[in-house]
Amino acid sequence: MRICGIDEAGRGAVIGPMVIAGILVDQSRVGELIEAGVRDSKELTPGVRAELSKLIREIAERVELIVVEARLVDESTRRSGAKGINELEARMIAEIINRLRPDAAFIDLPSTKYHDFRALIERYAGHKCSLILEHKADRKYPVVSAASIIAKHERDTLIKKLRAELGDFGSGYPSDPKTRNFLLQALMRGDLRKEHIRLTWKTISKLAQRRLEDF
């Protein structure tokens, strides 16, 4: 049986893209992923993720990546008047399923609304297969852990290039003090790079309010 794992990196970031990855493997080779040391990407250093990404690509039958740029993420939020990021991510997941055509797809569930999110995938996926959606699936299923590693490594690479262009903004996540300071300085200069920064994030409005209060 051919199975795929699907996971994302960068959904919650305020700077940079969201990357969604899917890997297709024969179920008989899942043990090779475990032996390679595949586990939740958040538990691994960037260097280890880079090495594992190479091994995963050797084991996998196919790997698919979708990079969703910050501007498209922004345009997809409810604050922009769109249907929301769940709708966007479900469409991207469905696209990966259509490309890989597995017998079963294991997906790290990003939404608290299981039935609604599953229905979205089923609406957009032309290829029909078993769907296993679980919270923290990247900790439970090696095939999802592998997808998590691929997605995170790809985002690491893109963020490194973006930092070379914009300056050191840290991780790009709202919880990172370096990221928040970078955004605050950009706001003060009037130099928000809209194509790379998610302007609808509450982080931006809070920092803008802080700037007003400082003045």
N, C-alpha and C. Protein backbone atom coordinates (compact mmCIF):
# COMPACT_ATOMS: atom_id res chain seq x y z
N MET A 1 0.85 -1.19 0.00
CA MET A 1 0.00 0.00 0.00
C MET A 1 0.88 1.25 0.00
N ARG A 2 0.49 2.20 -0.82
CA ARG A 2 1.23 3.46 -0.91
C ARG A 2 0.55 4.50 -0.02
N ILE A 3 1.34 5.05 0.91
CA ILE A 3 0.78 6.03 1.84
C ILE A 3 1.54 7.35 1.71
N CYS A 4 0.87 8.42 2.08
CA CYS A 4 1.56 9.70 2.08
C CYS A 4 1.36 10.39 3.42
N GLY A 5 2.33 11.20 3.79
CA GLY A 5 2.25 12.05 4.97
C GLY A 5 2.28 13.49 4.51
N ILE A 6 1.48 14.34 5.14
CA ILE A 6 1.41 15.75 4.75
C ILE A 6 1.49 16.62 5.99
N ASP A 7 2.33 17.65 5.94
CA ASP A 7 2.45 18.58 7.05
C ASP A 7 2.93 19.92 6.51
N GLU A 8 2.84 20.96 7.35
CA GLU A 8 3.23 22.31 6.93
C GLU A 8 4.25 22.89 7.89
N ALA A 9 4.88 23.95 7.43
CA ALA A 9 5.76 24.76 8.28
C ALA A 9 5.50 26.22 7.95
N GLY A 10 5.39 27.04 8.99
CA GLY A 10 5.24 28.47 8.78
C GLY A 10 3.83 28.99 8.75
N ARG A 11 2.86 28.16 9.11
CA ARG A 11 1.46 28.63 9.11
C ARG A 11 1.28 29.84 10.04
N GLY A 12 1.89 29.80 11.20
CA GLY A 12 1.68 30.86 12.18
C GLY A 12 2.67 32.01 12.10
N ALA A 13 3.61 31.94 11.17
CA ALA A 13 4.64 32.98 11.07
C ALA A 13 4.04 34.29 10.57
N VAL A 14 4.66 35.40 10.96
CA VAL A 14 4.23 36.71 10.48
C VAL A 14 5.11 37.19 9.33
N ILE A 15 6.28 36.59 9.19
CA ILE A 15 7.17 36.91 8.07
C ILE A 15 7.49 35.62 7.32
N GLY A 16 7.45 35.69 6.00
CA GLY A 16 7.85 34.56 5.18
C GLY A 16 6.71 33.65 4.78
N PRO A 17 7.04 32.63 3.98
CA PRO A 17 6.01 31.76 3.41
C PRO A 17 5.57 30.64 4.35
N MET A 18 4.47 30.03 3.98
CA MET A 18 4.06 28.75 4.55
C MET A 18 4.42 27.68 3.53
N VAL A 19 5.02 26.60 4.00
CA VAL A 19 5.43 25.50 3.11
C VAL A 19 4.66 24.25 3.50
N ILE A 20 4.03 23.62 2.52
CA ILE A 20 3.30 22.37 2.74
C ILE A 20 4.01 21.27 1.96
N ALA A 21 4.31 20.18 2.66
CA ALA A 21 5.06 19.08 2.03
C ALA A 21 4.27 17.78 2.13
N GLY A 22 4.42 16.97 1.11
CA GLY A 22 3.85 15.62 1.12
C GLY A 22 4.88 14.64 0.63
N ILE A 23 4.96 13.49 1.30
CA ILE A 23 5.86 12.45 0.81
C ILE A 23 5.06 11.17 0.59
N LEU A 24 5.40 10.46 -0.45
CA LEU A 24 4.74 9.20 -0.80
C LEU A 24 5.73 8.06 -0.61
N VAL A 25 5.34 7.05 0.17
CA VAL A 25 6.20 5.88 0.37
C VAL A 25 5.34 4.62 0.35
N ASP A 26 5.99 3.51 0.01
CA ASP A 26 5.33 2.23 0.20
C ASP A 26 5.34 1.92 1.69
N GLN A 27 4.25 1.41 2.18
CA GLN A 27 4.14 1.17 3.62
C GLN A 27 5.25 0.26 4.14
N SER A 28 5.77 -0.58 3.27
CA SER A 28 6.83 -1.50 3.67
C SER A 28 8.14 -0.78 3.99
N ARG A 29 8.25 0.50 3.61
CA ARG A 29 9.50 1.23 3.82
C ARG A 29 9.42 2.22 4.99
N VAL A 30 8.31 2.22 5.70
CA VAL A 30 8.16 3.14 6.83
C VAL A 30 9.23 2.86 7.89
N GLY A 31 9.59 1.59 8.05
CA GLY A 31 10.63 1.22 9.01
C GLY A 31 11.95 1.90 8.71
N GLU A 32 12.23 2.14 7.43
CA GLU A 32 13.47 2.82 7.04
C GLU A 32 13.47 4.27 7.51
N LEU A 33 12.29 4.90 7.53
CA LEU A 33 12.19 6.27 8.03
C LEU A 33 12.51 6.30 9.53
N ILE A 34 11.99 5.31 10.25
CA ILE A 34 12.24 5.23 11.69
C ILE A 34 13.73 5.01 11.96
N GLU A 35 14.33 4.08 11.20
CA GLU A 35 15.75 3.78 11.37
C GLU A 35 16.62 5.00 11.05
N ALA A 36 16.16 5.84 10.13
CA ALA A 36 16.92 7.04 9.75
C ALA A 36 16.89 8.10 10.84
N GLY A 37 15.97 7.95 11.79
CA GLY A 37 15.88 8.92 12.89
C GLY A 37 14.80 9.97 12.69
N VAL A 38 13.85 9.68 11.79
CA VAL A 38 12.77 10.62 11.51
C VAL A 38 11.87 10.76 12.74
N ARG A 39 11.63 12.02 13.12
CA ARG A 39 10.66 12.33 14.19
C ARG A 39 10.21 13.77 14.00
N ASP A 40 9.40 14.27 14.91
CA ASP A 40 8.86 15.62 14.81
C ASP A 40 9.98 16.63 14.51
N SER A 41 9.81 17.39 13.46
CA SER A 41 10.87 18.30 13.00
C SER A 41 11.24 19.34 14.04
N LYS A 42 10.29 19.70 14.91
CA LYS A 42 10.56 20.73 15.92
C LYS A 42 11.58 20.25 16.96
N GLU A 43 11.80 18.95 17.03
CA GLU A 43 12.76 18.39 17.98
C GLU A 43 14.16 18.29 17.39
N LEU A 44 14.32 18.73 16.14
CA LEU A 44 15.59 18.56 15.43
C LEU A 44 16.23 19.90 15.11
N THR A 45 17.54 19.92 15.06
CA THR A 45 18.25 21.13 14.68
C THR A 45 18.18 21.31 13.16
N PRO A 46 18.39 22.54 12.66
CA PRO A 46 18.38 22.75 11.21
C PRO A 46 19.34 21.84 10.46
N GLY A 47 20.52 21.60 11.03
CA GLY A 47 21.49 20.73 10.38
C GLY A 47 21.00 19.30 10.26
N VAL A 48 20.39 18.80 11.32
CA VAL A 48 19.85 17.43 11.28
C VAL A 48 18.69 17.35 10.30
N ARG A 49 17.84 18.38 10.28
CA ARG A 49 16.73 18.39 9.32
C ARG A 49 17.25 18.35 7.89
N ALA A 50 18.34 19.06 7.63
CA ALA A 50 18.92 19.08 6.28
C ALA A 50 19.41 17.69 5.87
N GLU A 51 20.09 17.01 6.79
CA GLU A 51 20.59 15.67 6.49
C GLU A 51 19.45 14.68 6.31
N LEU A 52 18.46 14.76 7.20
CA LEU A 52 17.33 13.84 7.11
C LEU A 52 16.51 14.08 5.84
N SER A 53 16.43 15.33 5.41
CA SER A 53 15.69 15.63 4.17
C SER A 53 16.26 14.85 2.99
N LYS A 54 17.59 14.74 2.95
CA LYS A 54 18.23 13.98 1.87
C LYS A 54 17.87 12.50 1.97
N LEU A 55 17.93 11.95 3.18
CA LEU A 55 17.60 10.53 3.38
C LEU A 55 16.14 10.24 3.04
N ILE A 56 15.26 11.14 3.47
CA ILE A 56 13.84 10.96 3.21
C ILE A 56 13.57 10.92 1.70
N ARG A 57 14.23 11.79 0.97
CA ARG A 57 14.03 11.83 -0.48
C ARG A 57 14.53 10.55 -1.15
N GLU A 58 15.52 9.91 -0.55
CA GLU A 58 16.02 8.64 -1.09
C GLU A 58 15.04 7.50 -0.81
N ILE A 59 14.38 7.56 0.34
CA ILE A 59 13.44 6.50 0.73
C ILE A 59 12.09 6.68 0.05
N ALA A 60 11.66 7.93 -0.08
CA ALA A 60 10.33 8.22 -0.62
C ALA A 60 10.25 7.93 -2.11
N GLU A 61 9.08 7.51 -2.52
CA GLU A 61 8.82 7.33 -3.95
C GLU A 61 8.71 8.69 -4.64
N ARG A 62 8.04 9.64 -3.96
CA ARG A 62 7.91 11.00 -4.48
C ARG A 62 7.80 11.98 -3.33
N VAL A 63 8.22 13.20 -3.58
CA VAL A 63 8.07 14.30 -2.63
C VAL A 63 7.44 15.47 -3.38
N GLU A 64 6.43 16.09 -2.77
CA GLU A 64 5.79 17.26 -3.35
C GLU A 64 5.84 18.41 -2.36
N LEU A 65 6.12 19.60 -2.87
CA LEU A 65 6.19 20.80 -2.04
C LEU A 65 5.32 21.90 -2.65
N ILE A 66 4.62 22.61 -1.80
CA ILE A 66 3.90 23.82 -2.23
C ILE A 66 4.33 24.97 -1.32
N VAL A 67 4.87 26.02 -1.91
CA VAL A 67 5.29 27.19 -1.16
C VAL A 67 4.21 28.26 -1.34
N VAL A 68 3.61 28.67 -0.23
CA VAL A 68 2.55 29.68 -0.26
C VAL A 68 3.15 30.98 0.27
N GLU A 69 3.35 31.94 -0.61
CA GLU A 69 4.00 33.18 -0.23
C GLU A 69 3.14 33.99 0.74
N ALA A 70 3.81 34.85 1.51
CA ALA A 70 3.14 35.61 2.56
C ALA A 70 1.96 36.41 2.02
N ARG A 71 2.09 36.98 0.85
CA ARG A 71 1.01 37.80 0.29
C ARG A 71 -0.25 36.95 0.07
N LEU A 72 -0.08 35.72 -0.43
CA LEU A 72 -1.25 34.86 -0.66
C LEU A 72 -1.87 34.42 0.66
N VAL A 73 -1.02 34.14 1.66
CA VAL A 73 -1.54 33.80 2.98
C VAL A 73 -2.38 34.96 3.50
N ASP A 74 -1.85 36.17 3.38
CA ASP A 74 -2.55 37.38 3.82
C ASP A 74 -3.90 37.54 3.12
N GLU A 75 -3.89 37.33 1.83
CA GLU A 75 -5.11 37.51 1.03
C GLU A 75 -6.17 36.45 1.35
N SER A 76 -5.75 35.37 2.02
CA SER A 76 -6.66 34.26 2.31
C SER A 76 -7.29 34.32 3.70
N THR A 77 -6.89 35.30 4.51
CA THR A 77 -7.40 35.38 5.87
C THR A 77 -8.81 35.98 5.90
N ARG A 78 -9.52 35.68 6.97
CA ARG A 78 -10.86 36.26 7.14
C ARG A 78 -10.78 37.77 7.31
N ARG A 79 -9.70 38.25 7.88
CA ARG A 79 -9.54 39.70 8.06
C ARG A 79 -9.39 40.40 6.72
N SER A 80 -9.01 39.64 5.68
CA SER A 80 -8.93 40.19 4.33
C SER A 80 -10.25 40.00 3.57
N GLY A 81 -11.22 39.38 4.23
CA GLY A 81 -12.51 39.13 3.59
C GLY A 81 -12.58 37.82 2.85
N ALA A 82 -11.56 36.98 3.01
CA ALA A 82 -11.55 35.67 2.34
C ALA A 82 -12.11 34.60 3.27
N LYS A 83 -12.01 33.35 2.86
CA LYS A 83 -12.61 32.24 3.60
C LYS A 83 -11.76 31.74 4.76
N GLY A 84 -10.51 32.18 4.83
CA GLY A 84 -9.67 31.79 5.95
C GLY A 84 -8.53 30.86 5.56
N ILE A 85 -7.55 30.76 6.46
CA ILE A 85 -6.36 29.96 6.16
C ILE A 85 -6.67 28.47 6.13
N ASN A 86 -7.65 28.02 6.90
CA ASN A 86 -8.02 26.60 6.83
C ASN A 86 -8.44 26.22 5.42
N GLU A 87 -9.21 27.09 4.79
CA GLU A 87 -9.64 26.85 3.41
C GLU A 87 -8.43 26.78 2.49
N LEU A 88 -7.51 27.72 2.65
CA LEU A 88 -6.30 27.75 1.84
C LEU A 88 -5.48 26.48 2.04
N GLU A 89 -5.24 26.11 3.29
CA GLU A 89 -4.40 24.94 3.55
C GLU A 89 -5.07 23.66 3.08
N ALA A 90 -6.38 23.56 3.25
CA ALA A 90 -7.10 22.37 2.78
C ALA A 90 -6.96 22.22 1.27
N ARG A 91 -7.03 23.33 0.55
CA ARG A 91 -6.86 23.27 -0.91
C ARG A 91 -5.46 22.80 -1.29
N MET A 92 -4.45 23.27 -0.56
CA MET A 92 -3.08 22.88 -0.85
C MET A 92 -2.86 21.40 -0.52
N ILE A 93 -3.43 20.94 0.59
CA ILE A 93 -3.33 19.53 0.96
C ILE A 93 -4.00 18.66 -0.10
N ALA A 94 -5.18 19.09 -0.55
CA ALA A 94 -5.88 18.35 -1.59
C ALA A 94 -5.05 18.29 -2.87
N GLU A 95 -4.37 19.38 -3.20
CA GLU A 95 -3.52 19.41 -4.39
C GLU A 95 -2.39 18.40 -4.27
N ILE A 96 -1.80 18.30 -3.09
CA ILE A 96 -0.72 17.32 -2.89
C ILE A 96 -1.26 15.90 -3.01
N ILE A 97 -2.44 15.65 -2.45
CA ILE A 97 -3.06 14.34 -2.57
C ILE A 97 -3.32 14.02 -4.05
N ASN A 98 -3.80 14.99 -4.80
CA ASN A 98 -4.04 14.77 -6.22
C ASN A 98 -2.76 14.46 -6.99
N ARG A 99 -1.66 15.06 -6.57
CA ARG A 99 -0.38 14.82 -7.24
C ARG A 99 0.19 13.44 -6.87
N LEU A 100 0.09 13.07 -5.60
CA LEU A 100 0.73 11.83 -5.13
C LEU A 100 -0.15 10.60 -5.33
N ARG A 101 -1.45 10.77 -5.28
CA ARG A 101 -2.42 9.68 -5.51
C ARG A 101 -2.16 8.47 -4.61
N PRO A 102 -2.12 8.67 -3.30
CA PRO A 102 -1.86 7.56 -2.37
C PRO A 102 -3.10 6.71 -2.12
N ASP A 103 -2.89 5.58 -1.48
CA ASP A 103 -4.03 4.77 -1.01
C ASP A 103 -4.57 5.33 0.30
N ALA A 104 -3.68 5.95 1.08
CA ALA A 104 -4.08 6.57 2.34
C ALA A 104 -3.21 7.79 2.58
N ALA A 105 -3.81 8.84 3.12
CA ALA A 105 -3.08 10.07 3.42
C ALA A 105 -3.17 10.35 4.91
N PHE A 106 -2.01 10.52 5.54
CA PHE A 106 -1.92 10.86 6.96
C PHE A 106 -1.58 12.35 7.05
N ILE A 107 -2.42 13.11 7.74
CA ILE A 107 -2.33 14.56 7.70
C ILE A 107 -2.30 15.12 9.11
N ASP A 108 -1.37 16.05 9.34
CA ASP A 108 -1.34 16.76 10.62
C ASP A 108 -2.46 17.79 10.60
N LEU A 109 -3.44 17.62 11.46
CA LEU A 109 -4.65 18.44 11.45
C LEU A 109 -4.37 19.81 12.06
N PRO A 110 -4.52 20.90 11.29
CA PRO A 110 -4.23 22.23 11.81
C PRO A 110 -5.43 22.91 12.46
N SER A 111 -6.60 22.33 12.28
CA SER A 111 -7.84 22.98 12.72
C SER A 111 -8.47 22.24 13.89
N THR A 112 -9.20 22.98 14.72
CA THR A 112 -9.95 22.35 15.82
C THR A 112 -11.26 21.75 15.29
N LYS A 113 -11.64 22.13 14.08
CA LYS A 113 -12.90 21.66 13.49
C LYS A 113 -12.61 20.50 12.53
N TYR A 114 -12.52 19.31 13.12
CA TYR A 114 -12.13 18.13 12.36
C TYR A 114 -13.02 17.90 11.15
N HIS A 115 -14.32 17.85 11.37
CA HIS A 115 -15.26 17.48 10.29
C HIS A 115 -15.27 18.54 9.19
N ASP A 116 -15.20 19.81 9.56
CA ASP A 116 -15.19 20.87 8.55
C ASP A 116 -13.93 20.81 7.70
N PHE A 117 -12.78 20.58 8.35
CA PHE A 117 -11.52 20.54 7.62
C PHE A 117 -11.47 19.32 6.70
N ARG A 118 -11.93 18.20 7.20
CA ARG A 118 -11.98 16.98 6.38
C ARG A 118 -12.87 17.19 5.16
N ALA A 119 -14.02 17.85 5.37
CA ALA A 119 -14.94 18.10 4.27
C ALA A 119 -14.31 19.00 3.21
N LEU A 120 -13.50 19.96 3.65
CA LEU A 120 -12.81 20.83 2.69
C LEU A 120 -11.85 20.04 1.82
N ILE A 121 -11.07 19.16 2.44
CA ILE A 121 -10.13 18.33 1.67
C ILE A 121 -10.88 17.46 0.68
N GLU A 122 -11.95 16.84 1.14
CA GLU A 122 -12.73 15.96 0.27
C GLU A 122 -13.35 16.72 -0.89
N ARG A 123 -13.70 18.00 -0.64
CA ARG A 123 -14.29 18.81 -1.71
C ARG A 123 -13.28 19.08 -2.81
N TYR A 124 -12.03 19.35 -2.43
CA TYR A 124 -11.03 19.77 -3.41
C TYR A 124 -10.20 18.61 -3.98
N ALA A 125 -10.18 17.48 -3.30
CA ALA A 125 -9.34 16.36 -3.76
C ALA A 125 -10.08 15.52 -4.80
N GLY A 126 -9.58 15.55 -6.03
CA GLY A 126 -10.17 14.71 -7.06
C GLY A 126 -9.84 13.25 -6.84
N HIS A 127 -8.65 12.99 -6.29
CA HIS A 127 -8.23 11.62 -5.99
C HIS A 127 -8.83 11.21 -4.64
N LYS A 128 -9.51 10.10 -4.62
CA LYS A 128 -10.14 9.61 -3.39
C LYS A 128 -9.26 8.56 -2.72
N CYS A 129 -9.04 8.74 -1.41
CA CYS A 129 -8.24 7.80 -0.64
C CYS A 129 -8.68 7.88 0.82
N SER A 130 -8.16 6.98 1.63
CA SER A 130 -8.43 7.06 3.06
C SER A 130 -7.73 8.29 3.63
N LEU A 131 -8.44 9.03 4.48
CA LEU A 131 -7.88 10.23 5.10
C LEU A 131 -7.78 10.01 6.60
N ILE A 132 -6.58 10.16 7.13
CA ILE A 132 -6.35 10.07 8.57
C ILE A 132 -5.84 11.43 9.03
N LEU A 133 -6.70 12.18 9.70
CA LEU A 133 -6.34 13.52 10.16
C LEU A 133 -6.29 13.52 11.68
N GLU A 134 -5.14 13.89 12.23
CA GLU A 134 -4.99 13.93 13.68
C GLU A 134 -4.12 15.10 14.10
N HIS A 135 -4.46 15.68 15.26
CA HIS A 135 -3.59 16.68 15.85
C HIS A 135 -2.27 16.02 16.27
N LYS A 136 -1.18 16.70 16.04
CA LYS A 136 0.16 16.21 16.39
C LYS A 136 0.47 14.86 15.72
N ALA A 137 -0.04 14.70 14.50
CA ALA A 137 0.25 13.48 13.75
C ALA A 137 1.74 13.35 13.44
N ASP A 138 2.46 14.49 13.45
CA ASP A 138 3.90 14.45 13.18
C ASP A 138 4.66 13.76 14.30
N ARG A 139 4.03 13.61 15.46
CA ARG A 139 4.67 12.90 16.56
C ARG A 139 4.32 11.41 16.55
N LYS A 140 3.25 11.06 15.88
CA LYS A 140 2.71 9.70 15.94
C LYS A 140 3.05 8.85 14.71
N TYR A 141 3.03 9.49 13.54
CA TYR A 141 3.21 8.74 12.28
C TYR A 141 4.53 9.17 11.61
N PRO A 142 5.46 8.24 11.43
CA PRO A 142 6.74 8.59 10.81
C PRO A 142 6.61 9.25 9.44
N VAL A 143 5.59 8.85 8.69
CA VAL A 143 5.42 9.42 7.35
C VAL A 143 5.04 10.90 7.44
N VAL A 144 4.34 11.30 8.50
CA VAL A 144 4.01 12.71 8.70
C VAL A 144 5.23 13.44 9.27
N SER A 145 5.97 12.78 10.15
CA SER A 145 7.21 13.36 10.65
C SER A 145 8.15 13.69 9.50
N ALA A 146 8.22 12.79 8.54
CA ALA A 146 9.09 12.99 7.38
C ALA A 146 8.64 14.20 6.57
N ALA A 147 7.33 14.33 6.37
CA ALA A 147 6.79 15.49 5.65
C ALA A 147 7.08 16.77 6.42
N SER A 148 6.97 16.69 7.75
CA SER A 148 7.27 17.83 8.60
C SER A 148 8.71 18.28 8.43
N ILE A 149 9.62 17.34 8.37
CA ILE A 149 11.04 17.65 8.21
C ILE A 149 11.30 18.29 6.85
N ILE A 150 10.71 17.73 5.81
CA ILE A 150 10.88 18.30 4.47
C ILE A 150 10.36 19.73 4.41
N ALA A 151 9.17 19.95 4.98
CA ALA A 151 8.56 21.28 4.96
C ALA A 151 9.40 22.28 5.75
N LYS A 152 9.85 21.85 6.94
CA LYS A 152 10.62 22.76 7.80
C LYS A 152 11.97 23.08 7.17
N HIS A 153 12.62 22.08 6.58
CA HIS A 153 13.91 22.33 5.94
C HIS A 153 13.77 23.29 4.77
N GLU A 154 12.72 23.11 3.98
CA GLU A 154 12.50 24.01 2.84
C GLU A 154 12.26 25.43 3.34
N ARG A 155 11.47 25.57 4.40
CA ARG A 155 11.23 26.91 4.93
C ARG A 155 12.51 27.50 5.53
N ASP A 156 13.30 26.67 6.22
CA ASP A 156 14.59 27.13 6.74
C ASP A 156 15.42 27.75 5.62
N THR A 157 15.46 27.06 4.49
CA THR A 157 16.26 27.52 3.34
C THR A 157 15.73 28.84 2.80
N LEU A 158 14.41 28.94 2.67
CA LEU A 158 13.80 30.16 2.14
C LEU A 158 13.97 31.33 3.11
N ILE A 159 13.86 31.06 4.41
CA ILE A 159 14.02 32.12 5.41
C ILE A 159 15.46 32.63 5.44
N LYS A 160 16.42 31.73 5.26
CA LYS A 160 17.82 32.15 5.21
C LYS A 160 18.05 33.12 4.05
N LYS A 161 17.46 32.82 2.90
CA LYS A 161 17.58 33.72 1.74
C LYS A 161 16.88 35.05 2.00
N LEU A 162 15.74 34.97 2.67
CA LEU A 162 14.96 36.17 2.95
C LEU A 162 15.68 37.08 3.95
N ARG A 163 16.35 36.47 4.93
CA ARG A 163 17.12 37.28 5.89
C ARG A 163 18.27 37.99 5.20
N ALA A 164 18.86 37.34 4.21
CA ALA A 164 19.95 37.98 3.46
C ALA A 164 19.43 39.20 2.70
N GLU A 165 18.15 39.17 2.33
CA GLU A 165 17.55 40.28 1.59
C GLU A 165 17.03 41.38 2.51
N LEU A 166 16.37 40.99 3.60
CA LEU A 166 15.69 41.96 4.46
C LEU A 166 16.49 42.38 5.68
N GLY A 167 17.43 41.54 6.09
CA GLY A 167 18.11 41.74 7.37
C GLY A 167 17.67 40.65 8.33
N ASP A 168 18.34 40.57 9.47
CA ASP A 168 18.07 39.48 10.41
C ASP A 168 16.79 39.76 11.21
N PHE A 169 15.71 39.10 10.80
CA PHE A 169 14.43 39.25 11.49
C PHE A 169 14.13 38.07 12.41
N GLY A 170 15.13 37.23 12.65
CA GLY A 170 14.91 36.08 13.51
C GLY A 170 14.18 34.96 12.80
N SER A 171 13.28 34.32 13.52
CA SER A 171 12.58 33.15 12.98
C SER A 171 11.40 33.52 12.11
N GLY A 172 10.88 34.73 12.28
CA GLY A 172 9.69 35.14 11.54
C GLY A 172 8.39 34.86 12.27
N TYR A 173 8.49 34.29 13.48
CA TYR A 173 7.30 33.97 14.27
C TYR A 173 7.02 35.09 15.29
N PRO A 174 5.74 35.35 15.56
CA PRO A 174 5.37 36.44 16.48
C PRO A 174 5.96 36.29 17.88
N SER A 175 6.24 35.08 18.30
CA SER A 175 6.78 34.85 19.65
C SER A 175 8.26 35.23 19.77
N ASP A 176 8.91 35.48 18.64
CA ASP A 176 10.34 35.78 18.62
C ASP A 176 10.56 37.28 18.84
N PRO A 177 11.23 37.67 19.95
CA PRO A 177 11.47 39.10 20.20
C PRO A 177 12.22 39.79 19.06
N LYS A 178 13.14 39.06 18.42
CA LYS A 178 13.90 39.65 17.31
C LYS A 178 12.97 39.97 16.13
N THR A 179 12.00 39.08 15.90
CA THR A 179 11.03 39.30 14.83
C THR A 179 10.16 40.52 15.14
N ARG A 180 9.68 40.61 16.37
CA ARG A 180 8.82 41.74 16.75
C ARG A 180 9.59 43.06 16.66
N ASN A 181 10.84 43.06 17.09
CA ASN A 181 11.63 44.28 17.02
C ASN A 181 11.89 44.69 15.57
N PHE A 182 12.16 43.71 14.72
CA PHE A 182 12.37 43.99 13.30
C PHE A 182 11.13 44.65 12.71
N LEU A 183 9.96 44.11 13.04
CA LEU A 183 8.71 44.66 12.51
C LEU A 183 8.45 46.06 13.04
N LEU A 184 8.74 46.27 14.30
CA LEU A 184 8.54 47.59 14.89
C LEU A 184 9.42 48.63 14.21
N GLN A 185 10.68 48.26 13.99
CA GLN A 185 11.59 49.18 13.31
C GLN A 185 11.13 49.47 11.88
N ALA A 186 10.62 48.43 11.21
CA ALA A 186 10.11 48.60 9.84
C ALA A 186 8.89 49.51 9.83
N LEU A 187 8.03 49.36 10.83
CA LEU A 187 6.85 50.24 10.95
C LEU A 187 7.28 51.70 11.16
N MET A 188 8.27 51.89 11.99
CA MET A 188 8.74 53.25 12.28
C MET A 188 9.35 53.91 11.04
N ARG A 189 9.97 53.09 10.20
CA ARG A 189 10.57 53.60 8.96
C ARG A 189 9.53 53.72 7.83
N GLY A 190 8.37 53.10 8.04
CA GLY A 190 7.38 53.04 6.96
C GLY A 190 7.83 52.13 5.85
N ASP A 191 8.51 51.02 6.22
CA ASP A 191 9.16 50.16 5.23
C ASP A 191 8.77 48.70 5.42
N LEU A 192 7.47 48.45 5.51
CA LEU A 192 7.02 47.06 5.61
C LEU A 192 7.01 46.43 4.22
N ARG A 193 7.80 45.38 4.04
CA ARG A 193 7.85 44.69 2.75
C ARG A 193 6.64 43.79 2.63
N LYS A 194 5.60 44.31 1.98
CA LYS A 194 4.28 43.67 2.00
C LYS A 194 4.27 42.27 1.37
N GLU A 195 5.19 42.05 0.45
CA GLU A 195 5.20 40.73 -0.19
C GLU A 195 5.74 39.64 0.72
N HIS A 196 6.42 40.04 1.80
CA HIS A 196 7.03 39.06 2.70
C HIS A 196 6.43 39.07 4.11
N ILE A 197 5.65 40.09 4.41
CA ILE A 197 5.10 40.25 5.77
C ILE A 197 3.58 40.12 5.73
N ARG A 198 3.03 39.37 6.67
CA ARG A 198 1.59 39.13 6.71
C ARG A 198 0.92 40.26 7.50
N LEU A 199 0.43 41.23 6.77
CA LEU A 199 -0.06 42.46 7.37
C LEU A 199 -1.35 42.27 8.16
N THR A 200 -2.09 41.21 7.88
CA THR A 200 -3.35 40.99 8.61
C THR A 200 -3.13 40.33 9.97
N TRP A 201 -1.91 39.91 10.26
CA TRP A 201 -1.63 39.30 11.57
C TRP A 201 -1.84 40.33 12.68
N LYS A 202 -2.36 39.89 13.80
CA LYS A 202 -2.59 40.78 14.93
C LYS A 202 -1.28 41.38 15.45
N THR A 203 -0.18 40.66 15.22
CA THR A 203 1.14 41.17 15.61
C THR A 203 1.39 42.56 15.03
N ILE A 204 1.01 42.75 13.78
CA ILE A 204 1.25 44.03 13.11
C ILE A 204 0.39 45.13 13.73
N SER A 205 -0.90 44.86 13.95
CA SER A 205 -1.78 45.89 14.51
C SER A 205 -1.36 46.24 15.94
N LYS A 206 -0.91 45.25 16.70
CA LYS A 206 -0.45 45.53 18.07
C LYS A 206 0.81 46.38 18.07
N LEU A 207 1.73 46.08 17.16
CA LEU A 207 2.96 46.87 17.08
C LEU A 207 2.67 48.28 16.57
N ALA A 208 1.72 48.40 15.66
CA ALA A 208 1.35 49.72 15.16
C ALA A 208 0.75 50.56 16.28
N GLN A 209 -0.07 49.92 17.12
CA GLN A 209 -0.66 50.62 18.26
C GLN A 209 0.43 51.04 19.25
N ARG A 210 1.39 50.16 19.46
CA ARG A 210 2.50 50.47 20.37
C ARG A 210 3.29 51.66 19.84
N ARG A 211 3.47 51.70 18.54
CA ARG A 211 4.20 52.82 17.94
C ARG A 211 3.46 54.13 18.19
N LEU A 212 2.14 54.11 18.01
CA LEU A 212 1.34 55.31 18.25
C LEU A 212 1.44 55.77 19.70
N GLU A 213 1.40 54.79 20.61
CA GLU A 213 1.47 55.14 22.03
C GLU A 213 2.84 55.72 22.40
N ASP A 214 3.89 55.21 21.73
CA ASP A 214 5.24 55.72 22.00
C ASP A 214 5.39 57.17 21.57
N PHE A 215 4.58 57.56 20.58
CA PHE A 215 4.68 58.92 20.09
C PHE A 215 3.55 59.81 20.64
